[in-house]
């Protein structure tokens, strides 16, 4: 991964700093998010890929780690899917996606749609 001292300025740079299996999983998450949020813009926040609503609010972030990738939404979005996330390590708004396991694409799409709705309809910002 890219050292903290050389933080990426784009998601392409972030991907360039990764090796497989992290690169493959992060690229898949990026494609999934781009498909689900075509109006969102990409940015790097806290050294990690983020997707922003046209208003500028962060909708979600993801990041590569040693044994997994984190997919991070708001705590309210993550909590809405708690039952379906059994078997995954979770945190405040985080879902850990272990390398070498199939990612739950349908579930992530529904979480992304929920996150977009909660921001658009209820004004839920970032953490």
C-alpha atoms as a PDB file:
ATOM      1  CA  UNK A   1       0.000   0.000   0.000  1.00  0.00           C
ATOM      2  CA  UNK A   2       0.977   3.598  -0.436  1.00  0.00           C
ATOM      3  CA  UNK A   3       2.890   4.899   2.588  1.00  0.00           C
ATOM      4  CA  UNK A   4       1.118   7.574   4.633  1.00  0.00           C
ATOM      5  CA  UNK A   5       3.832  10.062   3.670  1.00  0.00           C
ATOM      6  CA  UNK A   6       2.872   9.661   0.010  1.00  0.00           C
ATOM      7  CA  UNK A   7      -0.896   9.966   0.322  1.00  0.00           C
ATOM      8  CA  UNK A   8      -2.694   9.539  -2.993  1.00  0.00           C
ATOM      9  CA  UNK A   9      -4.518  12.489  -4.523  1.00  0.00           C
ATOM     10  CA  UNK A  10      -6.872  10.375  -6.665  1.00  0.00           C
ATOM     11  CA  UNK A  11      -8.496   6.980  -6.520  1.00  0.00           C
ATOM     12  CA  UNK A  12      -6.383   5.916  -9.485  1.00  0.00           C
ATOM     13  CA  UNK A  13      -3.254   6.731  -7.455  1.00  0.00           C
ATOM     14  CA  UNK A  14      -4.719   4.868  -4.488  1.00  0.00           C
ATOM     15  CA  UNK A  15      -5.255   1.783  -6.664  1.00  0.00           C
ATOM     16  CA  UNK A  16      -1.751   2.085  -8.126  1.00  0.00           C
ATOM     17  CA  UNK A  17      -0.359   1.811  -4.595  1.00  0.00           C
ATOM     18  CA  UNK A  18      -2.116  -1.498  -3.901  1.00  0.00           C
ATOM     19  CA  UNK A  19      -1.261  -5.090  -4.683  1.00  0.00           C
ATOM     20  CA  UNK A  20      -3.697  -7.955  -5.125  1.00  0.00           C
ATOM     21  CA  UNK A  21      -5.957  -9.030  -3.590  1.00  0.00           C
ATOM     22  CA  UNK A  22      -6.554  -5.520  -2.217  1.00  0.00           C
ATOM     23  CA  UNK A  23      -6.336  -3.858  -5.637  1.00  0.00           C
ATOM     24  CA  UNK A  24      -8.927  -6.175  -7.157  1.00  0.00           C
ATOM     25  CA  UNK A  25     -11.396  -5.754  -4.303  1.00  0.00           C
ATOM     26  CA  UNK A  26     -11.027  -1.958  -4.126  1.00  0.00           C
ATOM     27  CA  UNK A  27     -11.419  -1.706  -7.923  1.00  0.00           C
ATOM     28  CA  UNK A  28     -14.590  -3.812  -7.678  1.00  0.00           C
ATOM     29  CA  UNK A  29     -15.966  -1.588  -4.912  1.00  0.00           C
ATOM     30  CA  UNK A  30     -15.191   1.480  -6.998  1.00  0.00           C
ATOM     31  CA  UNK A  31     -17.032   0.075 -10.013  1.00  0.00           C
ATOM     32  CA  UNK A  32     -19.994  -0.934  -7.869  1.00  0.00           C
ATOM     33  CA  UNK A  33     -20.232   2.539  -6.319  1.00  0.00           C
ATOM     34  CA  UNK A  34     -19.846   4.289  -9.684  1.00  0.00           C
ATOM     35  CA  UNK A  35     -22.696   2.168 -11.029  1.00  0.00           C
ATOM     36  CA  UNK A  36     -24.919   2.864  -8.012  1.00  0.00           C
ATOM     37  CA  UNK A  37     -24.037   6.568  -7.664  1.00  0.00           C
ATOM     38  CA  UNK A  38     -23.418   7.903 -11.185  1.00  0.00           C
ATOM     39  CA  UNK A  39     -23.864  11.551 -10.088  1.00  0.00           C
ATOM     40  CA  UNK A  40     -21.349  11.253  -7.233  1.00  0.00           C
ATOM     41  CA  UNK A  41     -17.857  12.640  -7.517  1.00  0.00           C
ATOM     42  CA  UNK A  42     -14.731  10.829  -6.395  1.00  0.00           C
ATOM     43  CA  UNK A  43     -12.251  12.212  -3.927  1.00  0.00           C
ATOM     44  CA  UNK A  44      -9.619  11.037  -1.497  1.00  0.00           C
ATOM     45  CA  UNK A  45     -10.539  11.752   2.124  1.00  0.00           C
ATOM     46  CA  UNK A  46      -8.219  10.788   4.996  1.00  0.00           C
ATOM     47  CA  UNK A  47      -6.086   8.949   2.429  1.00  0.00           C
ATOM     48  CA  UNK A  48      -8.983   6.721   1.275  1.00  0.00           C
ATOM     49  CA  UNK A  49     -11.349   6.671  -1.708  1.00  0.00           C
ATOM     50  CA  UNK A  50     -14.600   8.543  -1.052  1.00  0.00           C
ATOM     51  CA  UNK A  51     -17.701   9.277  -3.096  1.00  0.00           C
ATOM     52  CA  UNK A  52     -19.480  12.585  -2.600  1.00  0.00           C
ATOM     53  CA  UNK A  53     -23.039  13.666  -3.264  1.00  0.00           C
ATOM     54  CA  UNK A  54     -23.308  16.579  -5.735  1.00  0.00           C
ATOM     55  CA  UNK A  55     -23.928  18.776  -2.647  1.00  0.00           C
ATOM     56  CA  UNK A  56     -20.415  17.881  -1.432  1.00  0.00           C
ATOM     57  CA  UNK A  57     -21.483  15.571   1.412  1.00  0.00           C
ATOM     58  CA  UNK A  58     -19.516  12.342   1.725  1.00  0.00           C
ATOM     59  CA  UNK A  59     -21.771   9.376   0.996  1.00  0.00           C
ATOM     60  CA  UNK A  60     -19.264   6.591   1.618  1.00  0.00           C
ATOM     61  CA  UNK A  61     -15.601   5.717   1.916  1.00  0.00           C
ATOM     62  CA  UNK A  62     -13.680   2.477   1.411  1.00  0.00           C
ATOM     63  CA  UNK A  63     -10.129   1.466   2.192  1.00  0.00           C
ATOM     64  CA  UNK A  64      -7.682  -1.402   1.876  1.00  0.00           C
ATOM     65  CA  UNK A  65      -6.111  -3.065   4.912  1.00  0.00           C
ATOM     66  CA  UNK A  66      -3.914  -6.108   5.499  1.00  0.00           C
ATOM     67  CA  UNK A  67      -6.611  -8.798   5.499  1.00  0.00           C
ATOM     68  CA  UNK A  68      -9.734  -6.945   4.420  1.00  0.00           C
ATOM     69  CA  UNK A  69     -11.229  -3.853   2.848  1.00  0.00           C
ATOM     70  CA  UNK A  70     -13.460  -1.524   4.824  1.00  0.00           C
ATOM     71  CA  UNK A  71     -16.690  -0.248   3.310  1.00  0.00           C
ATOM     72  CA  UNK A  72     -17.813   2.718   5.395  1.00  0.00           C
ATOM     73  CA  UNK A  73     -21.194   4.422   5.416  1.00  0.00           C
ATOM     74  CA  UNK A  74     -23.008   6.292   8.179  1.00  0.00           C
ATOM     75  CA  UNK A  75     -23.804   4.392  11.371  1.00  0.00           C
ATOM     76  CA  UNK A  76     -27.521   4.747  10.598  1.00  0.00           C
ATOM     77  CA  UNK A  77     -27.093   3.069   7.209  1.00  0.00           C
ATOM     78  CA  UNK A  78     -24.989   0.259   8.663  1.00  0.00           C
ATOM     79  CA  UNK A  79     -27.487  -0.274  11.491  1.00  0.00           C
ATOM     80  CA  UNK A  80     -30.375  -0.552   9.019  1.00  0.00           C
ATOM     81  CA  UNK A  81     -28.690  -3.660   7.603  1.00  0.00           C
ATOM     82  CA  UNK A  82     -27.412  -5.251  10.829  1.00  0.00           C
ATOM     83  CA  UNK A  83     -29.320  -8.505  10.357  1.00  0.00           C
ATOM     84  CA  UNK A  84     -27.952  -8.979   6.865  1.00  0.00           C
ATOM     85  CA  UNK A  85     -24.431  -8.157   8.014  1.00  0.00           C
ATOM     86  CA  UNK A  86     -24.223 -11.042  10.482  1.00  0.00           C
ATOM     87  CA  UNK A  87     -20.986 -12.860   9.806  1.00  0.00           C
ATOM     88  CA  UNK A  88     -19.145  -9.663   8.866  1.00  0.00           C
ATOM     89  CA  UNK A  89     -17.028  -7.657  11.282  1.00  0.00           C
ATOM     90  CA  UNK A  90     -18.647  -4.256  11.652  1.00  0.00           C
ATOM     91  CA  UNK A  91     -18.000  -1.027  13.491  1.00  0.00           C
ATOM     92  CA  UNK A  92     -19.516   2.437  13.776  1.00  0.00           C
ATOM     93  CA  UNK A  93     -20.348   2.674  10.065  1.00  0.00           C
ATOM     94  CA  UNK A  94     -17.864   0.078   8.845  1.00  0.00           C
ATOM     95  CA  UNK A  95     -18.226  -3.309   7.223  1.00  0.00           C
ATOM     96  CA  UNK A  96     -15.040  -5.383   6.859  1.00  0.00           C
ATOM     97  CA  UNK A  97     -14.900  -7.339   3.601  1.00  0.00           C
ATOM     98  CA  UNK A  98     -12.276 -10.102   3.897  1.00  0.00           C
ATOM     99  CA  UNK A  99     -10.034 -10.747   0.913  1.00  0.00           C
ATOM    100  CA  UNK A 100     -10.657 -14.051  -0.809  1.00  0.00           C
ATOM    101  CA  UNK A 101     -14.381 -14.057  -0.051  1.00  0.00           C
ATOM    102  CA  UNK A 102     -17.165 -13.072  -2.389  1.00  0.00           C
ATOM    103  CA  UNK A 103     -18.400  -9.575  -1.657  1.00  0.00           C
ATOM    104  CA  UNK A 104     -22.140  -9.175  -1.048  1.00  0.00           C
ATOM    105  CA  UNK A 105     -22.739  -6.946  -4.074  1.00  0.00           C
ATOM    106  CA  UNK A 106     -26.537  -6.900  -3.846  1.00  0.00           C
ATOM    107  CA  UNK A 107     -26.375  -5.986  -0.155  1.00  0.00           C
ATOM    108  CA  UNK A 108     -23.822  -3.241  -0.817  1.00  0.00           C
ATOM    109  CA  UNK A 109     -25.989  -1.824  -3.632  1.00  0.00           C
ATOM    110  CA  UNK A 110     -28.945  -1.668  -1.262  1.00  0.00           C
ATOM    111  CA  UNK A 111     -26.804  -0.024   1.421  1.00  0.00           C
ATOM    112  CA  UNK A 112     -25.606   2.561  -1.100  1.00  0.00           C
ATOM    113  CA  UNK A 113     -29.190   3.294  -2.181  1.00  0.00           C
ATOM    114  CA  UNK A 114     -30.233   3.633   1.464  1.00  0.00           C
ATOM    115  CA  UNK A 115     -27.338   5.985   2.169  1.00  0.00           C
ATOM    116  CA  UNK A 116     -28.269   8.168  -0.808  1.00  0.00           C
ATOM    117  CA  UNK A 117     -31.925   8.283   0.294  1.00  0.00           C
ATOM    118  CA  UNK A 118     -31.105   9.117   3.904  1.00  0.00           C
ATOM    119  CA  UNK A 119     -28.996  12.040   2.733  1.00  0.00           C
ATOM    120  CA  UNK A 120     -31.409  13.281   0.048  1.00  0.00           C
ATOM    121  CA  UNK A 121     -34.624  12.844   2.048  1.00  0.00           C
ATOM    122  CA  UNK A 122     -33.524  13.271   5.654  1.00  0.00           C
ATOM    123  CA  UNK A 123     -30.436  15.427   5.305  1.00  0.00           C
ATOM    124  CA  UNK A 124     -28.192  12.890   7.032  1.00  0.00           C
ATOM    125  CA  UNK A 125     -24.641  14.164   6.602  1.00  0.00           C
ATOM    126  CA  UNK A 126     -21.375  12.408   7.231  1.00  0.00           C
ATOM    127  CA  UNK A 127     -20.296  11.202  10.660  1.00  0.00           C
END
